[in-house]
Amino acid sequence: MAKFIRVTNISQGIDVDTILNVDDIGHISIGPNVIFTRTPFADGTNRIYVRSKEIERLEKILLGEENDG
């Protein structure tokens, strides 16, 4: 069963909530806080920019240290 997580990304200075399938995350760049996805979004990009706190939260979720809920 697919697992989905909610992240708040920064798009043109606006915070936008996005729901991602965990299996669709290609990789995460921790320094610049970018999540790259395997499947492109509707605008053709395959990355979203997030705040540091989102990266920290995702790291805990993906490494199994926290339940997303």
PDB file of N, CA and C in Angstrom:
ATOM      1  N   MET A   1       0.843  -1.174   0.000  1.00  0.00           N
ATOM      2  CA  MET A   1       0.000   0.000   0.000  1.00  0.00           C
ATOM      3  C   MET A   1       0.893   1.243   0.000  1.00  0.00           C
ATOM      4  N   ALA A   2       0.535   2.214  -0.786  1.00  0.00           N
ATOM      5  CA  ALA A   2       1.320   3.438  -0.898  1.00  0.00           C
ATOM      6  C   ALA A   2       1.204   4.269   0.380  1.00  0.00           C
ATOM      7  N   LYS A   3       2.294   4.929   0.719  1.00  0.00           N
ATOM      8  CA  LYS A   3       2.300   5.822   1.871  1.00  0.00           C
ATOM      9  C   LYS A   3       2.472   7.250   1.363  1.00  0.00           C
ATOM     10  N   PHE A   4       1.631   8.131   1.842  1.00  0.00           N
ATOM     11  CA  PHE A   4       1.667   9.520   1.427  1.00  0.00           C
ATOM     12  C   PHE A   4       2.045  10.408   2.610  1.00  0.00           C
ATOM     13  N   ILE A   5       2.760  11.481   2.309  1.00  0.00           N
ATOM     14  CA  ILE A   5       3.123  12.454   3.326  1.00  0.00           C
ATOM     15  C   ILE A   5       2.804  13.847   2.812  1.00  0.00           C
ATOM     16  N   ARG A   6       2.515  14.735   3.739  1.00  0.00           N
ATOM     17  CA  ARG A   6       2.223  16.123   3.390  1.00  0.00           C
ATOM     18  C   ARG A   6       3.459  16.960   3.689  1.00  0.00           C
ATOM     19  N   VAL A   7       3.872  17.758   2.712  1.00  0.00           N
ATOM     20  CA  VAL A   7       4.975  18.690   2.910  1.00  0.00           C
ATOM     21  C   VAL A   7       4.511  20.074   2.477  1.00  0.00           C
ATOM     22  N   THR A   8       5.086  21.078   3.082  1.00  0.00           N
ATOM     23  CA  THR A   8       4.800  22.453   2.692  1.00  0.00           C
ATOM     24  C   THR A   8       5.982  22.947   1.888  1.00  0.00           C
ATOM     25  N   ASN A   9       5.741  23.214   0.603  1.00  0.00           N
ATOM     26  CA  ASN A   9       6.813  23.688  -0.244  1.00  0.00           C
ATOM     27  C   ASN A   9       6.690  25.187  -0.494  1.00  0.00           C
ATOM     28  N   ILE A  10       7.789  25.785  -0.890  1.00  0.00           N
ATOM     29  CA  ILE A  10       7.849  27.213  -1.147  1.00  0.00           C
ATOM     30  C   ILE A  10       7.838  27.405  -2.659  1.00  0.00           C
ATOM     31  N   SER A  11       6.803  28.046  -3.157  1.00  0.00           N
ATOM     32  CA  SER A  11       6.677  28.263  -4.594  1.00  0.00           C
ATOM     33  C   SER A  11       6.405  29.734  -4.854  1.00  0.00           C
ATOM     34  N   GLN A  12       7.364  30.421  -5.425  1.00  0.00           N
ATOM     35  CA  GLN A  12       7.264  31.841  -5.747  1.00  0.00           C
ATOM     36  C   GLN A  12       6.884  32.670  -4.521  1.00  0.00           C
ATOM     37  N   GLY A  13       7.498  32.343  -3.382  1.00  0.00           N
ATOM     38  CA  GLY A  13       7.271  33.081  -2.150  1.00  0.00           C
ATOM     39  C   GLY A  13       5.998  32.715  -1.407  1.00  0.00           C
ATOM     40  N   ILE A  14       5.296  31.709  -1.871  1.00  0.00           N
ATOM     41  CA  ILE A  14       4.038  31.286  -1.254  1.00  0.00           C
ATOM     42  C   ILE A  14       4.201  29.865  -0.737  1.00  0.00           C
ATOM     43  N   ASP A  15       3.729  29.598   0.476  1.00  0.00           N
ATOM     44  CA  ASP A  15       3.750  28.243   1.026  1.00  0.00           C
ATOM     45  C   ASP A  15       2.581  27.452   0.445  1.00  0.00           C
ATOM     46  N   VAL A  16       2.883  26.300  -0.137  1.00  0.00           N
ATOM     47  CA  VAL A  16       1.873  25.458  -0.767  1.00  0.00           C
ATOM     48  C   VAL A  16       1.986  24.063  -0.181  1.00  0.00           C
ATOM     49  N   ASP A  17       0.876  23.508   0.309  1.00  0.00           N
ATOM     50  CA  ASP A  17       0.876  22.139   0.814  1.00  0.00           C
ATOM     51  C   ASP A  17       0.813  21.168  -0.363  1.00  0.00           C
ATOM     52  N   THR A  18       1.672  20.157  -0.304  1.00  0.00           N
ATOM     53  CA  THR A  18       1.735  19.145  -1.347  1.00  0.00           C
ATOM     54  C   THR A  18       1.726  17.780  -0.688  1.00  0.00           C
ATOM     55  N   ILE A  19       0.989  16.857  -1.253  1.00  0.00           N
ATOM     56  CA  ILE A  19       0.973  15.488  -0.748  1.00  0.00           C
ATOM     57  C   ILE A  19       1.792  14.642  -1.711  1.00  0.00           C
ATOM     58  N   LEU A  20       2.819  13.986  -1.174  1.00  0.00           N
ATOM     59  CA  LEU A  20       3.737  13.182  -1.975  1.00  0.00           C
ATOM     60  C   LEU A  20       3.612  11.708  -1.626  1.00  0.00           C
ATOM     61  N   ASN A  21       3.723  10.871  -2.634  1.00  0.00           N
ATOM     62  CA  ASN A  21       3.848   9.448  -2.426  1.00  0.00           C
ATOM     63  C   ASN A  21       5.305   9.201  -2.043  1.00  0.00           C
ATOM     64  N   VAL A  22       5.548   8.557  -0.928  1.00  0.00           N
ATOM     65  CA  VAL A  22       6.910   8.318  -0.452  1.00  0.00           C
ATOM     66  C   VAL A  22       7.734   7.587  -1.513  1.00  0.00           C
ATOM     67  N   ASP A  23       7.117   6.659  -2.237  1.00  0.00           N
ATOM     68  CA  ASP A  23       7.831   5.902  -3.267  1.00  0.00           C
ATOM     69  C   ASP A  23       8.220   6.765  -4.459  1.00  0.00           C
ATOM     70  N   ASP A  24       7.628   7.941  -4.597  1.00  0.00           N
ATOM     71  CA  ASP A  24       7.919   8.826  -5.724  1.00  0.00           C
ATOM     72  C   ASP A  24       9.074   9.789  -5.428  1.00  0.00           C
ATOM     73  N   ILE A  25       9.569   9.796  -4.196  1.00  0.00           N
ATOM     74  CA  ILE A  25      10.700  10.659  -3.860  1.00  0.00           C
ATOM     75  C   ILE A  25      11.964  10.020  -4.415  1.00  0.00           C
ATOM     76  N   GLY A  26      12.633  10.751  -5.312  1.00  0.00           N
ATOM     77  CA  GLY A  26      13.862  10.247  -5.902  1.00  0.00           C
ATOM     78  C   GLY A  26      15.029  10.437  -4.959  1.00  0.00           C
ATOM     79  N   HIS A  27      15.234  11.658  -4.509  1.00  0.00           N
ATOM     80  CA  HIS A  27      16.237  11.946  -3.490  1.00  0.00           C
ATOM     81  C   HIS A  27      15.955  13.309  -2.873  1.00  0.00           C
ATOM     82  N   ILE A  28      16.613  13.548  -1.759  1.00  0.00           N
ATOM     83  CA  ILE A  28      16.452  14.794  -1.018  1.00  0.00           C
ATOM     84  C   ILE A  28      17.825  15.432  -0.870  1.00  0.00           C
ATOM     85  N   SER A  29      17.936  16.678  -1.262  1.00  0.00           N
ATOM     86  CA  SER A  29      19.172  17.434  -1.058  1.00  0.00           C
ATOM     87  C   SER A  29      19.003  18.244   0.220  1.00  0.00           C
ATOM     88  N   ILE A  30      19.747  17.859   1.258  1.00  0.00           N
ATOM     89  CA  ILE A  30      19.554  18.431   2.584  1.00  0.00           C
ATOM     90  C   ILE A  30      20.045  19.866   2.680  1.00  0.00           C
ATOM     91  N   GLY A  31      21.176  20.206   2.092  1.00  0.00           N
ATOM     92  CA  GLY A  31      21.698  21.570   2.184  1.00  0.00           C
ATOM     93  C   GLY A  31      20.767  22.612   1.591  1.00  0.00           C
ATOM     94  N   PRO A  32      20.416  22.467   0.298  1.00  0.00           N
ATOM     95  CA  PRO A  32      19.522  23.449  -0.322  1.00  0.00           C
ATOM     96  C   PRO A  32      18.032  23.178  -0.066  1.00  0.00           C
ATOM     97  N   ASN A  33      17.719  22.112   0.663  1.00  0.00           N
ATOM     98  CA  ASN A  33      16.338  21.772   1.023  1.00  0.00           C
ATOM     99  C   ASN A  33      15.450  21.563  -0.200  1.00  0.00           C
ATOM    100  N   VAL A  34      15.864  20.643  -1.056  1.00  0.00           N
ATOM    101  CA  VAL A  34      15.119  20.335  -2.273  1.00  0.00           C
ATOM    102  C   VAL A  34      14.749  18.856  -2.265  1.00  0.00           C
ATOM    103  N   ILE A  35      13.491  18.578  -2.603  1.00  0.00           N
ATOM    104  CA  ILE A  35      13.028  17.203  -2.766  1.00  0.00           C
ATOM    105  C   ILE A  35      12.832  16.977  -4.264  1.00  0.00           C
ATOM    106  N   PHE A  36      13.516  15.972  -4.810  1.00  0.00           N
ATOM    107  CA  PHE A  36      13.382  15.615  -6.215  1.00  0.00           C
ATOM    108  C   PHE A  36      12.450  14.415  -6.320  1.00  0.00           C
ATOM    109  N   THR A  37      11.511  14.479  -7.242  1.00  0.00           N
ATOM    110  CA  THR A  37      10.559  13.386  -7.422  1.00  0.00           C
ATOM    111  C   THR A  37      10.841  12.646  -8.727  1.00  0.00           C
ATOM    112  N   ARG A  38      10.402  11.410  -8.782  1.00  0.00           N
ATOM    113  CA  ARG A  38      10.581  10.603  -9.988  1.00  0.00           C
ATOM    114  C   ARG A  38       9.603  11.037 -11.080  1.00  0.00           C
ATOM    115  N   THR A  39       8.410  11.443 -10.667  1.00  0.00           N
ATOM    116  CA  THR A  39       7.367  11.858 -11.598  1.00  0.00           C
ATOM    117  C   THR A  39       7.263  13.381 -11.576  1.00  0.00           C
ATOM    118  N   PRO A  40       7.268  14.022 -12.732  1.00  0.00           N
ATOM    119  CA  PRO A  40       7.169  15.487 -12.749  1.00  0.00           C
ATOM    120  C   PRO A  40       5.783  15.971 -12.333  1.00  0.00           C
ATOM    121  N   PHE A  41       5.754  17.185 -11.818  1.00  0.00           N
ATOM    122  CA  PHE A  41       4.496  17.838 -11.474  1.00  0.00           C
ATOM    123  C   PHE A  41       3.844  18.370 -12.758  1.00  0.00           C
ATOM    124  N   ALA A  42       2.663  18.936 -12.650  1.00  0.00           N
ATOM    125  CA  ALA A  42       1.918  19.428 -13.814  1.00  0.00           C
ATOM    126  C   ALA A  42       2.685  20.493 -14.598  1.00  0.00           C
ATOM    127  N   ASP A  43       3.536  21.263 -13.921  1.00  0.00           N
ATOM    128  CA  ASP A  43       4.298  22.308 -14.619  1.00  0.00           C
ATOM    129  C   ASP A  43       5.579  21.777 -15.255  1.00  0.00           C
ATOM    130  N   GLY A  44       5.826  20.471 -15.160  1.00  0.00           N
ATOM    131  CA  GLY A  44       6.972  19.852 -15.790  1.00  0.00           C
ATOM    132  C   GLY A  44       8.204  19.733 -14.911  1.00  0.00           C
ATOM    133  N   THR A  45       8.210  20.358 -13.742  1.00  0.00           N
ATOM    134  CA  THR A  45       9.361  20.263 -12.846  1.00  0.00           C
ATOM    135  C   THR A  45       9.287  18.971 -12.042  1.00  0.00           C
ATOM    136  N   ASN A  46      10.427  18.553 -11.535  1.00  0.00           N
ATOM    137  CA  ASN A  46      10.442  17.352 -10.696  1.00  0.00           C
ATOM    138  C   ASN A  46      11.065  17.644  -9.338  1.00  0.00           C
ATOM    139  N   ARG A  47      10.960  18.880  -8.895  1.00  0.00           N
ATOM    140  CA  ARG A  47      11.546  19.237  -7.602  1.00  0.00           C
ATOM    141  C   ARG A  47      10.667  20.263  -6.888  1.00  0.00           C
ATOM    142  N   ILE A  48      10.747  20.211  -5.568  1.00  0.00           N
ATOM    143  CA  ILE A  48      10.085  21.228  -4.752  1.00  0.00           C
ATOM    144  C   ILE A  48      11.074  21.695  -3.696  1.00  0.00           C
ATOM    145  N   TYR A  49      10.958  22.946  -3.345  1.00  0.00           N
ATOM    146  CA  TYR A  49      11.817  23.556  -2.335  1.00  0.00           C
ATOM    147  C   TYR A  49      11.032  23.643  -1.040  1.00  0.00           C
ATOM    148  N   VAL A  50      11.665  23.224   0.043  1.00  0.00           N
ATOM    149  CA  VAL A  50      10.993  23.198   1.341  1.00  0.00           C
ATOM    150  C   VAL A  50      11.880  23.859   2.393  1.00  0.00           C
ATOM    151  N   ARG A  51      11.299  24.133   3.542  1.00  0.00           N
ATOM    152  CA  ARG A  51      12.049  24.721   4.652  1.00  0.00           C
ATOM    153  C   ARG A  51      12.836  23.626   5.375  1.00  0.00           C
ATOM    154  N   SER A  52      13.819  24.038   6.144  1.00  0.00           N
ATOM    155  CA  SER A  52      14.674  23.095   6.885  1.00  0.00           C
ATOM    156  C   SER A  52      13.863  22.189   7.803  1.00  0.00           C
ATOM    157  N   LYS A  53      12.834  22.745   8.444  1.00  0.00           N
ATOM    158  CA  LYS A  53      12.035  21.928   9.366  1.00  0.00           C
ATOM    159  C   LYS A  53      11.317  20.796   8.632  1.00  0.00           C
ATOM    160  N   GLU A  54      10.951  21.009   7.355  1.00  0.00           N
ATOM    161  CA  GLU A  54      10.323  19.943   6.576  1.00  0.00           C
ATOM    162  C   GLU A  54      11.327  18.829   6.289  1.00  0.00           C
ATOM    163  N   ILE A  55      12.567  19.200   5.983  1.00  0.00           N
ATOM    164  CA  ILE A  55      13.608  18.195   5.732  1.00  0.00           C
ATOM    165  C   ILE A  55      13.849  17.370   6.986  1.00  0.00           C
ATOM    166  N   GLU A  56      13.926  18.021   8.132  1.00  0.00           N
ATOM    167  CA  GLU A  56      14.132  17.307   9.396  1.00  0.00           C
ATOM    168  C   GLU A  56      12.981  16.352   9.675  1.00  0.00           C
ATOM    169  N   ARG A  57      11.750  16.805   9.448  1.00  0.00           N
ATOM    170  CA  ARG A  57      10.568  15.966   9.673  1.00  0.00           C
ATOM    171  C   ARG A  57      10.563  14.788   8.704  1.00  0.00           C
ATOM    172  N   LEU A  58      10.863  15.045   7.436  1.00  0.00           N
ATOM    173  CA  LEU A  58      10.904  13.976   6.440  1.00  0.00           C
ATOM    174  C   LEU A  58      11.971  12.939   6.765  1.00  0.00           C
ATOM    175  N   GLU A  59      13.105  13.404   7.210  1.00  0.00           N
ATOM    176  CA  GLU A  59      14.185  12.491   7.571  1.00  0.00           C
ATOM    177  C   GLU A  59      13.728  11.520   8.654  1.00  0.00           C
ATOM    178  N   LYS A  60      13.045  12.030   9.664  1.00  0.00           N
ATOM    179  CA  LYS A  60      12.535  11.168  10.734  1.00  0.00           C
ATOM    180  C   LYS A  60      11.498  10.180  10.214  1.00  0.00           C
ATOM    181  N   ILE A  61      10.608  10.662   9.353  1.00  0.00           N
ATOM    182  CA  ILE A  61       9.560   9.794   8.813  1.00  0.00           C
ATOM    183  C   ILE A  61      10.166   8.702   7.932  1.00  0.00           C
ATOM    184  N   LEU A  62      11.038   9.101   7.021  1.00  0.00           N
ATOM    185  CA  LEU A  62      11.593   8.150   6.065  1.00  0.00           C
ATOM    186  C   LEU A  62      12.535   7.144   6.701  1.00  0.00           C
ATOM    187  N   LEU A  63      13.165   7.531   7.793  1.00  0.00           N
ATOM    188  CA  LEU A  63      14.049   6.611   8.502  1.00  0.00           C
ATOM    189  C   LEU A  63      13.306   5.810   9.574  1.00  0.00           C
ATOM    190  N   GLY A  64      11.988   6.004   9.652  1.00  0.00           N
ATOM    191  CA  GLY A  64      11.156   5.217  10.558  1.00  0.00           C
ATOM    192  C   GLY A  64      11.196   5.656  12.001  1.00  0.00           C
ATOM    193  N   GLU A  65      11.605   6.889  12.254  1.00  0.00           N
ATOM    194  CA  GLU A  65      11.705   7.375  13.636  1.00  0.00           C
ATOM    195  C   GLU A  65      10.439   8.062  14.115  1.00  0.00           C
ATOM    196  N   GLU A  66       9.482   8.286  13.207  1.00  0.00           N
ATOM    197  CA  GLU A  66       8.280   9.022  13.595  1.00  0.00           C
ATOM    198  C   GLU A  66       7.133   8.546  12.708  1.00  0.00           C
ATOM    199  N   ASN A  67       5.934   8.492  13.276  1.00  0.00           N
ATOM    200  CA  ASN A  67       4.751   8.190  12.495  1.00  0.00           C
ATOM    201  C   ASN A  67       4.184   9.465  11.926  1.00  0.00           C
ATOM    202  N   ASP A  68       3.816   9.464  10.636  1.00  0.00           N
ATOM    203  CA  ASP A  68       3.219  10.640  10.002  1.00  0.00           C
ATOM    204  C   ASP A  68       1.740  10.631  10.279  1.00  0.00           C
ATOM    205  N   GLY A  69       1.242  11.631  10.965  1.00  0.00           N
ATOM    206  CA  GLY A  69      -0.178  11.590  11.261  1.00  0.00           C
ATOM    207  C   GLY A  69      -0.687  12.785  11.868  1.00  0.00           C
TER     208      GLY A  69
END
